[in-house]
Amino acid sequence: MKASPTTSSAVRLGRLARLGWHFALGIFIVATRYRRLAQAERAVITRRWSTQLLHILGIRIEIEGVNPGFYPPNTLLVANHVSWLDIFALNSCTVSRFVAKQEIRTWPVIGWLVETGGTLFIDRSNRRDASRVNQLLSNALANGSCMAVFPEATTSDGTGMLPFKASLFEAALPSSSIVQPVALRYQLPDGRLTTAAAYAGDTTFWQSLRAVLATPSMVVKISYGTPLKAGCGELTTRFALSDAARRSIAASLKLPAPETPDTARTAPADPPAVAR
């Protein structure tokens, strides 16, 4: 098989320099005026910044299905998790606030940025913390926010899907939120799947970034499935919502549908679903 082309050293350095400047600009915006803006104004800035970041890295978006909107209220986006780029890809189309692992809060610069942007943090090692985050997530949805979680709880390489953790689907039930399944597929311009953006296993962030910088161009195919109304019909439990969302995403990715439910009904609680 013919090897995929790679960018020159000059192109990689140029992208890296522009990326550094772009992050510096984001820090400046957040430090000076972001927190004083209304949510709608924040959403505009977030989408523009995310779109520009993808452009710097030679990544374009291809949408399949119906985008639920710019910042759809009382909506929980649920997506498969492949890369650190997932958040920016989603925010370039549908802006939302994310649930992330507690450790990210302590990361220099990035932790401060995502916390200021409204991210909810969860202690993945503490099952009881899921209840606290569920309450915060439920309140945010009821107050009109668009939230997002990655129910696999970690990243895959994009060639398949991991079982979903149903815990945070519970937050969608009290306010009858819309659960919006979203499938993310990283591919080359000719449609072939690529793992260049994957941030899974023992891959470090720097290794992942280098692979992205070395790829001339990529396409993130974002497929919006049929919205699920929490609490309606058979979707009255977190397990039913989790199963329905995973089946929808698997279908969009053209993967086999799960033959059995992803989460045991007898388990008292699931490990939380968070961004890596």
Foldseek 3Di string as FASTA:
>chain_A
DDDAAWDDPVLLVQLVVVLVVLLVVLLVCLVPPLLVDDPVVNLVVLLVSLCVNCVSLQEAEAEADDQPDQWFALEEEEEAAFAPNPQSRCSNRHNAEEEAEPVLCPDPPRNVSNVSVPHHYAHLVDQVRLVVVLVVLLVRRLVTGYYYFYQLQEHDLQPDGHFGFLSNLQSSAPNQGKYKAKYKFKAAPVRHGDSLRGDDDPRDPVSSSVSSSTRNHIYIYIYIFDIDGACPDPNPDSQSVRLVSQQRRCVVSVHDRDPDGRDDPPDPHTRDTHYD
